[in-house]
Amino acid sequence: MQPLKLYSAPTPNGQKVHTFLEELKAVYGDKFQYEYHAVSLKENQQKEKWFLDINPNGRIPALQDPNRDNFNVFETAAILLYLEKHYDPEHKFSWPSSNPKADDYRNEVLQLMFFVHGGVGPMQGQANHFYRYAPEKIQYGIDRYQNETIRLYSVLDKVLEGRDWLVGDGKGQFSLADINAYPWVQWHKWAGVKDLPSNVAAWVKRNLDRPATKKGMYLPDGKHELLDKILDPNFDGEDEETKAHAKESSAWVMKGMKEDAEKNKK
């Protein structure tokens, strides 16, 4: 096969695809290959024409498949499902049709993927914004989105009761449901959510203990100083280095929002 081309950055949405690509690589070895093309969010590269030709929404990640006439895929859930369909022939991360419960399990996976895309991602993303990036502190916004994020975590905690993974027989099977949900939850402290429910906390650790998933979280170059901070049990987000990082990030987030607003007025 020709290597797939991933255009991404080390954010929760990007890391969903990073981890699945690494998991596929761990299973299929040289039969599965991909190239990582870094997109600088700081420089707003995701809004440049070359990227918009791949993903018209101007958001990372995006995938281009040279094995299928350079077919383009955007939106993380769509990318994960695409990779599963075309590059997991042994159903290592799903269930073969020979399994009598395959359709039900697939539906459960989709339920949880939609739950994360419609709930956890947007709500935690807003918590990130109001807690870390907003130019003024709006306590209502912080409380609103942190509390909703915590509520959504409680739903995951209930699903994980007595289980290792979100979907499957018994303790469950590692699948797209876990891959799609894990990176956002790993970043809970960046959103100002200090603690996780017990089942979710154990599940988060279980994900990061997978070598391929851990490698995916540290793409593209094996380093992620902010992730290292988040993983520190003593991290509270109040050190000067973290505040400086948030301030720098806020500057380019605000710049990008302003540019989008100006373009939309035209």
Protein backbone atom coordinates (compact mmCIF):
# COMPACT_ATOMS: atom_id res chain seq x y z
CA MET A 1 0.00 0.00 0.00
CA GLN A 2 0.95 3.63 -0.39
CA PRO A 3 1.20 5.53 2.91
CA LEU A 4 -1.92 7.37 3.98
CA LYS A 5 -1.40 11.10 4.49
CA LEU A 6 -2.54 12.54 7.80
CA TYR A 7 -2.66 16.32 8.29
CA SER A 8 -2.94 17.03 11.97
CA ALA A 9 -1.79 18.63 15.22
CA PRO A 10 -1.49 17.29 18.80
CA THR A 11 -4.95 18.27 20.06
CA PRO A 12 -7.60 15.86 21.42
CA ASN A 13 -9.31 15.60 18.02
CA GLY A 14 -6.01 15.03 16.28
CA GLN A 15 -4.90 12.50 18.89
CA LYS A 16 -7.95 10.31 18.26
CA VAL A 17 -6.69 9.63 14.75
CA HIS A 18 -3.04 9.54 15.83
CA THR A 19 -3.74 6.75 18.29
CA PHE A 20 -5.84 4.68 15.88
CA LEU A 21 -3.20 4.93 13.16
CA GLU A 22 -0.56 3.74 15.63
CA GLU A 23 -2.82 0.92 16.83
CA LEU A 24 -3.34 -0.21 13.22
CA LYS A 25 0.39 -0.01 12.60
CA ALA A 26 1.06 -2.13 15.71
CA VAL A 27 -1.32 -4.84 14.46
CA TYR A 28 -0.56 -4.88 10.73
CA GLY A 29 3.10 -3.84 10.68
CA ASP A 30 4.55 -2.99 7.28
CA LYS A 31 1.22 -3.78 5.62
CA PHE A 32 -0.08 -0.50 7.01
CA GLN A 33 1.74 2.79 6.52
CA TYR A 34 0.99 6.46 6.96
CA GLU A 35 2.75 9.82 6.83
CA TYR A 36 2.24 12.54 9.42
CA HIS A 37 2.09 16.09 8.07
CA ALA A 38 2.12 18.65 10.87
CA VAL A 39 -0.32 21.55 10.60
CA SER A 40 0.57 24.66 12.60
CA LEU A 41 -2.55 25.96 14.32
CA LYS A 42 -0.51 28.87 15.65
CA GLU A 43 0.16 29.95 12.07
CA ASN A 44 -3.45 29.20 11.06
CA GLN A 45 -2.29 26.77 8.37
CA GLN A 46 -5.59 24.91 8.60
CA LYS A 47 -7.20 27.93 6.90
CA GLU A 48 -4.80 28.00 3.96
CA LYS A 49 -6.09 26.98 0.54
CA TRP A 50 -4.00 23.81 0.30
CA PHE A 51 -5.59 22.51 3.49
CA LEU A 52 -9.10 23.70 2.63
CA ASP A 53 -8.85 21.68 -0.56
CA ILE A 54 -8.58 18.61 1.67
CA ASN A 55 -10.94 19.73 4.43
CA PRO A 56 -13.25 22.62 3.52
CA ASN A 57 -14.12 23.07 7.19
CA GLY A 58 -10.60 24.23 8.00
CA ARG A 59 -10.14 22.04 11.05
CA ILE A 60 -7.65 19.31 11.87
CA PRO A 61 -7.35 16.40 11.39
CA ALA A 62 -7.79 15.48 7.74
CA LEU A 63 -6.83 12.31 5.89
CA GLN A 64 -5.91 11.72 2.26
CA ASP A 65 -5.85 8.19 0.88
CA PRO A 66 -3.60 7.74 -2.19
CA ASN A 67 -4.72 4.11 -2.41
CA ARG A 68 -8.24 5.24 -3.30
CA ASP A 69 -7.71 8.07 -5.80
CA ASN A 70 -6.57 10.49 -3.07
CA PHE A 71 -9.93 10.24 -1.36
CA ASN A 72 -10.21 12.93 1.33
CA VAL A 73 -11.80 12.42 4.74
CA PHE A 74 -12.45 15.04 7.41
CA GLU A 75 -14.14 14.97 10.84
CA THR A 76 -12.53 12.66 13.37
CA ALA A 77 -15.41 10.16 13.63
CA ALA A 78 -15.60 9.86 9.85
CA ILE A 79 -11.83 9.30 9.67
CA LEU A 80 -11.92 6.60 12.35
CA LEU A 81 -14.82 4.80 10.66
CA TYR A 82 -13.10 5.08 7.28
CA LEU A 83 -9.89 3.56 8.65
CA GLU A 84 -11.82 0.76 10.32
CA LYS A 85 -13.67 -0.12 7.11
CA HIS A 86 -10.71 -0.03 4.75
CA TYR A 87 -7.69 -0.84 6.90
CA ASP A 88 -8.80 -3.21 9.66
CA PRO A 89 -9.68 -6.34 7.65
CA GLU A 90 -9.21 -8.62 10.66
CA HIS A 91 -11.66 -6.59 12.78
CA LYS A 92 -9.15 -6.08 15.55
CA PHE A 93 -11.01 -2.95 16.67
CA SER A 94 -14.55 -4.01 15.79
CA TRP A 95 -16.58 -7.18 15.39
CA PRO A 96 -16.82 -9.40 12.28
CA SER A 97 -20.24 -10.05 10.76
CA SER A 98 -19.88 -13.69 11.86
CA ASN A 99 -20.38 -12.48 15.44
CA PRO A 100 -24.13 -12.60 16.10
CA LYS A 101 -23.87 -9.45 18.22
CA ALA A 102 -21.80 -7.51 15.66
CA ASP A 103 -24.58 -5.17 14.56
CA ASP A 104 -25.58 -4.38 18.13
CA TYR A 105 -22.00 -3.73 19.17
CA ARG A 106 -21.44 -1.51 16.16
CA ASN A 107 -24.54 0.46 17.09
CA GLU A 108 -23.25 0.85 20.65
CA VAL A 109 -19.94 2.11 19.27
CA LEU A 110 -21.79 4.65 17.14
CA GLN A 111 -23.92 5.74 20.10
CA LEU A 112 -20.81 6.49 22.12
CA MET A 113 -19.04 8.17 19.22
CA PHE A 114 -22.01 10.48 18.68
CA PHE A 115 -22.18 11.06 22.43
CA VAL A 116 -18.57 12.24 22.45
CA HIS A 117 -18.88 14.33 19.29
CA GLY A 118 -22.13 15.95 20.35
CA GLY A 119 -21.34 16.21 24.05
CA VAL A 120 -17.89 15.65 25.53
CA GLY A 121 -15.88 17.33 22.76
CA PRO A 122 -17.98 20.49 22.36
CA MET A 123 -18.64 20.98 26.08
CA GLN A 124 -15.06 20.33 27.16
CA GLY A 125 -13.83 22.44 24.28
CA GLN A 126 -15.92 25.35 25.56
CA ALA A 127 -14.65 24.71 29.08
CA ASN A 128 -11.11 24.93 27.69
CA HIS A 129 -11.95 28.19 25.99
CA PHE A 130 -13.57 29.99 28.91
CA TYR A 131 -11.12 28.60 31.49
CA ARG A 132 -7.88 29.05 29.51
CA TYR A 133 -8.30 31.26 26.48
CA ALA A 134 -11.09 33.81 26.89
CA PRO A 135 -9.71 37.38 27.12
CA GLU A 136 -11.88 38.04 30.15
CA LYS A 137 -12.93 35.73 32.97
CA ILE A 138 -16.63 34.91 32.68
CA GLN A 139 -17.46 32.69 35.64
CA TYR A 140 -20.86 31.73 34.29
CA GLY A 141 -19.26 30.31 31.13
CA ILE A 142 -16.58 28.48 33.12
CA ASP A 143 -19.12 26.94 35.50
CA ARG A 144 -21.59 26.09 32.74
CA TYR A 145 -19.14 24.11 30.64
CA GLN A 146 -17.08 22.57 33.41
CA ASN A 147 -20.23 21.29 35.14
CA GLU A 148 -21.61 19.88 31.91
CA THR A 149 -18.28 18.18 31.19
CA ILE A 150 -18.36 16.61 34.65
CA ARG A 151 -21.93 15.41 34.04
CA LEU A 152 -20.89 13.80 30.76
CA TYR A 153 -18.01 12.06 32.52
CA SER A 154 -20.57 10.59 34.92
CA VAL A 155 -22.33 9.02 31.94
CA LEU A 156 -19.07 7.39 30.84
CA ASP A 157 -18.52 6.25 34.42
CA LYS A 158 -21.87 4.48 34.40
CA VAL A 159 -21.13 2.78 31.07
CA LEU A 160 -17.76 1.60 32.45
CA GLU A 161 -19.21 0.10 35.63
CA GLY A 162 -17.66 -3.38 35.95
CA ARG A 163 -15.94 -3.04 32.58
CA ASP A 164 -12.47 -2.38 31.15
CA TRP A 165 -13.68 -1.01 27.80
CA LEU A 166 -16.82 0.75 26.64
CA VAL A 167 -18.31 -1.89 24.31
CA GLY A 168 -18.27 -5.68 24.03
CA ASP A 169 -18.88 -8.88 25.98
CA GLY A 170 -17.91 -9.13 29.61
CA LYS A 171 -15.22 -6.58 30.43
CA GLY A 172 -15.49 -5.27 26.88
CA GLN A 173 -13.14 -5.01 23.91
CA PHE A 174 -10.88 -2.09 23.01
CA SER A 175 -12.60 -0.45 20.03
CA LEU A 176 -13.31 2.80 18.21
CA ALA A 177 -15.56 3.81 21.08
CA ASP A 178 -12.54 3.99 23.40
CA ILE A 179 -10.21 5.50 20.79
CA ASN A 180 -12.72 8.25 20.05
CA ALA A 181 -13.42 9.18 23.67
CA TYR A 182 -10.09 8.78 25.42
CA PRO A 183 -8.00 11.78 24.24
CA TRP A 184 -10.59 14.37 25.28
CA VAL A 185 -10.93 12.86 28.75
CA GLN A 186 -7.15 12.64 29.15
CA TRP A 187 -7.08 16.46 28.84
CA HIS A 188 -9.65 17.05 31.61
CA LYS A 189 -7.24 19.10 33.73
CA TRP A 190 -6.67 21.58 30.92
CA ALA A 191 -10.39 22.30 31.11
CA GLY A 192 -10.11 22.87 34.86
CA VAL A 193 -11.74 19.56 35.78
CA LYS A 194 -9.40 18.27 38.46
CA ASP A 195 -10.79 14.83 39.24
CA LEU A 196 -12.35 11.96 37.28
CA PRO A 197 -14.92 9.41 38.46
CA SER A 198 -13.20 6.20 39.56
CA ASN A 199 -14.22 4.03 36.61
CA VAL A 200 -13.24 6.72 34.13
CA ALA A 201 -9.90 7.34 35.85
CA ALA A 202 -9.02 3.63 35.63
CA TRP A 203 -10.10 3.52 31.98
CA VAL A 204 -7.97 6.58 31.13
CA LYS A 205 -4.92 4.87 32.61
CA ARG A 206 -5.77 1.66 30.76
CA ASN A 207 -5.77 3.53 27.45
CA LEU A 208 -2.46 5.28 28.06
CA ASP A 209 -0.90 1.97 29.13
CA ARG A 210 -1.33 0.72 25.56
CA PRO A 211 2.06 1.33 23.86
CA ALA A 212 0.55 2.27 20.48
CA THR A 213 -1.96 4.65 22.03
CA LYS A 214 0.73 6.30 24.12
CA LYS A 215 2.91 6.73 21.03
CA GLY A 216 -0.04 8.28 19.20
CA MET A 217 -0.61 10.77 21.99
CA TYR A 218 2.99 11.98 21.60
CA LEU A 219 3.00 12.41 17.83
CA PRO A 220 4.51 13.91 15.78
CA ASP A 221 7.96 13.95 17.41
CA GLY A 222 7.62 11.94 20.61
CA LYS A 223 7.48 15.07 22.76
CA HIS A 224 4.56 16.92 24.31
CA GLU A 225 5.56 19.03 27.30
CA LEU A 226 1.98 20.09 28.05
CA LEU A 227 0.76 16.49 28.01
CA ASP A 228 3.58 15.59 30.41
CA LYS A 229 2.30 18.32 32.73
CA ILE A 230 -1.28 17.04 32.48
CA LEU A 231 -0.12 13.53 33.37
CA ASP A 232 1.62 14.79 36.51
CA PRO A 233 -0.67 13.94 39.47
CA ASN A 234 0.32 17.22 41.12
CA PHE A 235 -0.59 19.40 38.12
CA ASP A 236 -3.02 22.17 39.05
CA GLY A 237 -2.59 24.41 36.03
CA GLU A 238 -1.57 27.41 38.10
CA ASP A 239 2.20 27.42 37.53
CA GLU A 240 3.65 30.33 35.60
CA GLU A 241 4.83 28.20 32.68
CA THR A 242 1.32 26.83 32.11
CA LYS A 243 -0.22 30.28 32.38
CA ALA A 244 2.27 31.59 29.83
CA HIS A 245 1.40 28.74 27.46
CA ALA A 246 -2.32 29.47 27.85
CA LYS A 247 -1.72 33.18 27.23
CA GLU A 248 0.26 32.47 24.07
CA SER A 249 -2.39 30.04 22.84
CA SER A 250 -5.12 32.55 23.63
CA ALA A 251 -3.43 35.09 21.36
CA TRP A 252 -3.57 32.90 18.26
CA VAL A 253 -7.04 31.54 19.14
CA MET A 254 -8.35 35.11 19.34
CA LYS A 255 -6.53 36.05 16.13
CA GLY A 256 -8.07 33.10 14.30
CA MET A 257 -11.55 33.94 15.57
CA LYS A 258 -11.16 37.55 14.42
CA GLU A 259 -9.99 36.50 10.96
CA ASP A 260 -12.92 34.08 10.60
CA ALA A 261 -15.37 36.78 11.64
CA GLU A 262 -13.93 39.24 9.11
CA LYS A 263 -14.12 36.68 6.29
CA ASN A 264 -17.73 35.85 7.14
CA LYS A 265 -18.70 39.52 6.82
CA LYS A 266 -17.59 39.62 3.20
